[in-house]
């Protein structure tokens, strides 16, 4: 499940709230007999098979990314070690070539870190922040810390694949690893990992049957990709929002940065808005 947590001091940057609810992506084999998801496909519906492919808290560290027609986010979930990270970026239109990238790192409930990557370097200096350096955060200095991106809350599905699968219809799977269907995004308009509520409204009836494709990792049986094919309507442009979960079994566990320094006051001012 993915819920947007706003950070007012970061203008339009949104923070990903991770709420609990593959090897690299492999080519999908047409044979369904040799994979965990395929073996169970005869006993469960395609929708149920897809739902159970979403990683849970027993799955070791893996990487995730959202690209295309949705907010770009990436990071790692390390549920067995109660840790997670995510990175998000935005352009700074007031500054020529300006860009701000934030990486949040939550190690358990009370070991948070953040990294600001700021372009150009002169802007970082002007803001009083050292670009690309990890900063150790004092939880007591973050407003509503428990609701911030720094507090790990048992997250296992950072990009909201379960929410999307929960509103899926007409799900088919000819191979047990490839899935197609449609999504009724009006049912999750207020907590949508792909579109804002206003965009769902702009789609009108199209929002009730948005096509998607999905694939399951051939080795692990876990979700690999989930592609939402957003149609054009009003100010909403057509495009694909691609959710990718990868690196099952190969992603390194998250650890505290060895070179982290104490966060300066300006960092808290930005983070608390």
Protein backbone atom coordinates (compact mmCIF):
# COMPACT_ATOMS: atom_id res chain seq x y z
CA UNK A 1 0.00 0.00 0.00
CA UNK A 2 1.34 3.40 -0.85
CA UNK A 3 0.11 6.61 0.74
CA UNK A 4 1.53 10.04 -0.09
CA UNK A 5 3.06 11.88 2.84
CA UNK A 6 3.60 15.54 1.97
CA UNK A 7 6.72 17.40 3.05
CA UNK A 8 5.71 21.04 2.78
CA UNK A 9 9.28 22.35 2.93
CA UNK A 10 10.13 20.41 -0.22
CA UNK A 11 7.54 22.09 -2.47
CA UNK A 12 5.98 19.48 -4.77
CA UNK A 13 8.19 16.62 -3.60
CA UNK A 14 6.11 13.82 -2.15
CA UNK A 15 7.31 11.30 0.38
CA UNK A 16 6.41 7.67 0.15
CA UNK A 17 4.72 6.29 3.23
CA UNK A 18 5.31 2.60 3.33
CA UNK A 19 2.50 0.91 5.12
CA UNK A 20 2.51 -2.83 5.75
CA UNK A 21 -0.35 -4.32 4.11
CA UNK A 22 13.62 -11.27 -7.93
CA UNK A 23 16.73 -11.91 -9.12
CA UNK A 24 16.63 -9.47 -11.97
CA UNK A 25 13.50 -9.59 -14.07
CA UNK A 26 13.74 -12.76 -16.12
CA UNK A 27 12.28 -13.58 -19.51
CA UNK A 28 8.95 -15.25 -18.90
CA UNK A 29 8.93 -18.89 -19.93
CA UNK A 30 5.93 -20.07 -21.82
CA UNK A 31 5.89 -23.37 -19.97
CA UNK A 32 3.98 -23.16 -16.68
CA UNK A 33 5.03 -26.38 -15.06
CA UNK A 34 8.31 -25.40 -13.45
CA UNK A 35 7.54 -22.31 -11.33
CA UNK A 36 5.85 -21.86 -7.93
CA UNK A 37 3.14 -19.63 -9.35
CA UNK A 38 2.50 -21.95 -12.26
CA UNK A 39 2.29 -25.02 -10.06
CA UNK A 40 -0.54 -23.48 -8.10
CA UNK A 41 -2.35 -21.92 -11.07
CA UNK A 42 -4.67 -24.89 -11.48
CA UNK A 43 -5.92 -24.55 -7.91
CA UNK A 44 -6.42 -20.78 -7.76
CA UNK A 45 -7.81 -18.11 -10.03
CA UNK A 46 -5.42 -15.89 -12.01
CA UNK A 47 -6.40 -12.95 -9.79
CA UNK A 48 -5.57 -14.91 -6.64
CA UNK A 49 -2.30 -16.14 -8.12
CA UNK A 50 -1.30 -12.58 -8.94
CA UNK A 51 -2.34 -11.37 -5.49
CA UNK A 52 -0.23 -13.98 -3.72
CA UNK A 53 2.81 -13.04 -5.83
CA UNK A 54 3.13 -9.71 -4.00
CA UNK A 55 6.11 -10.04 -1.60
CA UNK A 56 5.37 -10.41 2.10
CA UNK A 57 7.49 -9.96 5.23
CA UNK A 58 9.26 -13.29 4.72
CA UNK A 59 10.84 -12.17 1.43
CA UNK A 60 14.47 -11.05 1.69
CA UNK A 61 15.65 -7.63 0.52
CA UNK A 62 14.56 -6.60 -2.97
CA UNK A 63 14.59 -3.45 -5.08
CA UNK A 64 11.61 -1.52 -6.41
CA UNK A 65 11.05 1.30 -8.89
CA UNK A 66 8.15 3.21 -10.41
CA UNK A 67 8.73 4.85 -13.79
CA UNK A 68 6.79 6.31 -16.68
CA UNK A 69 3.36 7.87 -16.21
CA UNK A 70 3.59 7.98 -12.42
CA UNK A 71 5.72 9.60 -9.75
CA UNK A 72 9.27 8.26 -10.13
CA UNK A 73 10.29 6.41 -6.98
CA UNK A 74 12.88 3.76 -6.25
CA UNK A 75 14.45 2.01 -3.31
CA UNK A 76 14.87 -1.20 -1.37
CA UNK A 77 12.64 -3.09 1.05
CA UNK A 78 14.38 -5.32 3.58
CA UNK A 79 11.41 -6.58 5.57
CA UNK A 80 13.15 -9.34 7.57
CA UNK A 81 15.48 -6.64 8.95
CA UNK A 82 12.67 -4.09 9.31
CA UNK A 83 14.35 -1.62 6.98
CA UNK A 84 13.49 0.28 3.82
CA UNK A 85 14.72 3.08 1.61
CA UNK A 86 13.32 5.22 -1.16
CA UNK A 87 14.51 7.92 -3.50
CA UNK A 88 12.48 10.59 -5.26
CA UNK A 89 13.46 13.63 -7.32
CA UNK A 90 12.06 16.86 -8.68
CA UNK A 91 13.21 19.65 -10.91
CA UNK A 92 13.62 23.11 -9.39
CA UNK A 93 12.14 25.35 -12.08
CA UNK A 94 13.32 28.56 -10.40
CA UNK A 95 16.95 27.49 -10.86
CA UNK A 96 18.54 26.80 -14.24
CA UNK A 97 19.44 23.11 -14.20
CA UNK A 98 18.17 22.83 -10.64
CA UNK A 99 17.25 19.40 -9.30
CA UNK A 100 16.66 18.04 -5.82
CA UNK A 101 16.86 14.32 -5.07
CA UNK A 102 16.03 12.91 -1.66
CA UNK A 103 16.92 9.47 -0.39
CA UNK A 104 15.31 8.32 2.87
CA UNK A 105 16.69 5.36 4.81
CA UNK A 106 14.73 3.82 7.68
CA UNK A 107 16.52 1.17 9.72
CA UNK A 108 13.94 -0.15 12.12
CA UNK A 109 11.72 2.32 13.94
CA UNK A 110 14.34 4.74 15.21
CA UNK A 111 17.50 4.80 13.05
CA UNK A 112 16.72 7.25 10.23
CA UNK A 113 19.03 8.81 7.66
CA UNK A 114 18.53 11.16 4.72
CA UNK A 115 20.64 12.24 1.75
CA UNK A 116 20.07 15.43 -0.24
CA UNK A 117 21.52 15.44 -3.75
CA UNK A 118 21.33 18.97 -5.08
CA UNK A 119 22.20 20.39 -8.49
CA UNK A 120 23.91 22.70 -9.21
CA UNK A 121 26.53 22.50 -6.46
CA UNK A 122 26.25 26.26 -5.93
CA UNK A 123 22.63 25.78 -4.89
CA UNK A 124 23.62 23.20 -2.27
CA UNK A 125 26.11 25.67 -0.85
CA UNK A 126 23.49 28.42 -0.85
CA UNK A 127 21.08 26.17 1.03
CA UNK A 128 23.71 25.29 3.61
CA UNK A 129 23.64 21.57 2.80
CA UNK A 130 26.40 19.25 1.68
CA UNK A 131 25.17 17.47 -1.41
CA UNK A 132 25.29 13.66 -1.55
CA UNK A 133 26.32 13.21 2.09
CA UNK A 134 24.31 10.98 4.42
CA UNK A 135 22.81 12.79 7.39
CA UNK A 136 21.82 11.05 10.62
CA UNK A 137 18.38 12.23 11.75
CA UNK A 138 17.26 12.70 15.35
CA UNK A 139 13.69 11.29 15.49
CA UNK A 140 12.80 13.77 18.25
CA UNK A 141 13.38 16.64 15.81
CA UNK A 142 10.99 15.38 13.12
CA UNK A 143 7.39 16.55 13.33
CA UNK A 144 4.97 13.60 13.49
CA UNK A 145 7.87 11.19 13.20
CA UNK A 146 5.69 8.08 13.30
CA UNK A 147 3.87 9.35 10.19
CA UNK A 148 7.05 10.36 8.38
CA UNK A 149 9.02 8.44 5.74
CA UNK A 150 11.68 7.73 8.36
CA UNK A 151 9.69 5.29 10.51
CA UNK A 152 9.64 1.74 9.20
CA UNK A 153 6.14 0.34 9.61
CA UNK A 154 6.38 -3.24 8.38
CA UNK A 155 6.16 -2.35 4.71
CA UNK A 156 6.36 -5.08 2.11
CA UNK A 157 4.60 -3.58 -0.90
CA UNK A 158 5.92 -0.01 -1.29
CA UNK A 159 4.36 0.74 -4.67
CA UNK A 160 0.85 -0.39 -3.86
CA UNK A 161 0.62 -3.41 -6.13
CA UNK A 162 -1.82 -5.08 -3.71
CA UNK A 163 -4.14 -2.07 -3.90
CA UNK A 164 -4.15 -2.27 -7.69
CA UNK A 165 -4.70 -6.03 -7.77
CA UNK A 166 -7.54 -5.54 -5.29
CA UNK A 167 -9.52 -3.58 -7.90
CA UNK A 168 -8.59 -5.81 -10.85
CA UNK A 169 -11.16 -7.52 -13.04
CA UNK A 170 -11.11 -9.95 -15.98
CA UNK A 171 -7.66 -11.21 -14.97
CA UNK A 172 -6.29 -13.84 -17.31
CA UNK A 173 -3.00 -15.76 -17.29
CA UNK A 174 -2.25 -18.03 -20.24
CA UNK A 175 1.14 -19.08 -18.84
CA UNK A 176 0.89 -18.66 -15.07
CA UNK A 177 3.58 -15.98 -15.25
CA UNK A 178 2.04 -13.40 -17.57
CA UNK A 179 -1.18 -11.67 -16.49
CA UNK A 180 -3.55 -9.19 -18.12
CA UNK A 181 -6.74 -7.51 -16.95
CA UNK A 182 -8.33 -4.17 -16.14
CA UNK A 183 -8.40 -1.94 -13.06
CA UNK A 184 -11.28 0.08 -11.63
CA UNK A 185 -9.27 3.02 -10.33
CA UNK A 186 -12.42 4.78 -9.10
CA UNK A 187 -12.45 2.33 -6.19
CA UNK A 188 -9.12 3.63 -4.89
CA UNK A 189 -9.26 7.23 -6.09
CA UNK A 190 -8.12 8.65 -2.74
CA UNK A 191 -5.19 6.26 -2.23
CA UNK A 192 -3.99 5.55 -5.72
CA UNK A 193 -0.36 4.65 -6.41
CA UNK A 194 -0.68 5.67 -10.08
CA UNK A 195 -2.97 8.69 -10.46
CA UNK A 196 -4.12 11.60 -8.31
CA UNK A 197 -7.82 11.73 -7.42
CA UNK A 198 -8.40 14.60 -9.85
CA UNK A 199 -6.84 12.58 -12.66
CA UNK A 200 -9.06 9.61 -11.90
CA UNK A 201 -12.06 11.95 -12.09
CA UNK A 202 -10.82 13.35 -15.41
CA UNK A 203 -10.71 9.87 -16.90
CA UNK A 204 -14.44 9.44 -16.29
CA UNK A 205 -15.70 5.98 -17.26
CA UNK A 206 -12.28 5.09 -18.65
CA UNK A 207 -11.01 4.91 -15.06
CA UNK A 208 -13.27 1.91 -14.45
CA UNK A 209 -11.43 -0.34 -16.91
CA UNK A 210 -7.78 0.71 -17.19
CA UNK A 211 -5.75 -2.10 -18.84
CA UNK A 212 -2.73 -3.63 -17.13
CA UNK A 213 -0.07 -6.26 -17.78
CA UNK A 214 1.88 -8.06 -15.08
CA UNK A 215 4.64 -10.64 -14.86
CA UNK A 216 5.82 -12.90 -12.06
CA UNK A 217 9.47 -13.75 -11.42
CA UNK A 218 10.17 -17.17 -12.91
CA UNK A 219 12.45 -18.33 -10.08
CA UNK A 220 10.73 -17.02 -6.97
CA UNK A 221 7.08 -16.73 -7.93
CA UNK A 222 7.07 -13.12 -6.70
CA UNK A 223 5.73 -10.13 -8.60
CA UNK A 224 8.19 -8.77 -11.15
CA UNK A 225 6.40 -6.04 -13.14
CA UNK A 226 2.99 -4.40 -13.08
CA UNK A 227 2.30 -2.02 -15.97
CA UNK A 228 -0.76 0.23 -15.81
CA UNK A 229 -1.73 1.52 -19.28
CA UNK A 230 -3.20 4.93 -18.50
CA UNK A 231 -5.50 6.20 -21.27
CA UNK A 232 -5.71 9.83 -22.39
CA UNK A 233 -8.60 11.97 -21.13
CA UNK A 234 -8.77 15.74 -20.61
CA UNK A 235 -5.41 16.87 -19.23
CA UNK A 236 -4.37 13.30 -18.48
CA UNK A 237 -1.85 12.08 -21.05
CA UNK A 238 -1.73 8.49 -22.18
CA UNK A 239 1.23 6.53 -20.90
CA UNK A 240 2.42 3.48 -19.04
CA UNK A 241 3.13 3.50 -15.31
CA UNK A 242 5.59 0.68 -14.71
CA UNK A 243 5.98 -0.81 -11.24
CA UNK A 244 8.99 -3.09 -10.95
CA UNK A 245 10.02 -5.34 -8.06
CA UNK A 246 13.39 -7.03 -8.67
CA UNK A 247 16.58 -8.40 -7.18
CA UNK A 248 14.92 -11.13 -5.14
CA UNK A 249 17.74 -13.02 -3.47
CA UNK A 250 20.50 -10.73 -4.77
CA UNK A 251 19.75 -7.30 -3.26
CA UNK A 252 22.05 -6.37 -0.37
CA UNK A 253 20.56 -5.84 3.08
CA UNK A 254 20.27 -2.22 4.16
CA UNK A 255 22.83 -0.98 6.67
CA UNK A 256 23.70 2.32 8.32
CA UNK A 257 25.98 4.59 6.26
CA UNK A 258 29.47 4.52 7.75
CA UNK A 259 30.17 8.18 6.94
CA UNK A 260 26.91 9.76 8.15
CA UNK A 261 27.12 13.09 9.98
CA UNK A 262 24.61 14.87 12.22
CA UNK A 263 21.93 16.68 10.25
CA UNK A 264 22.16 20.49 10.43
CA UNK A 265 19.25 22.71 11.43
CA UNK A 266 18.47 23.59 7.79
CA UNK A 267 17.77 19.92 7.04
CA UNK A 268 15.12 19.77 9.77
CA UNK A 269 13.64 23.05 8.54
CA UNK A 270 13.17 21.53 5.08
CA UNK A 271 11.93 18.16 6.31
CA UNK A 272 9.41 19.69 8.72
CA UNK A 273 8.25 22.39 6.34
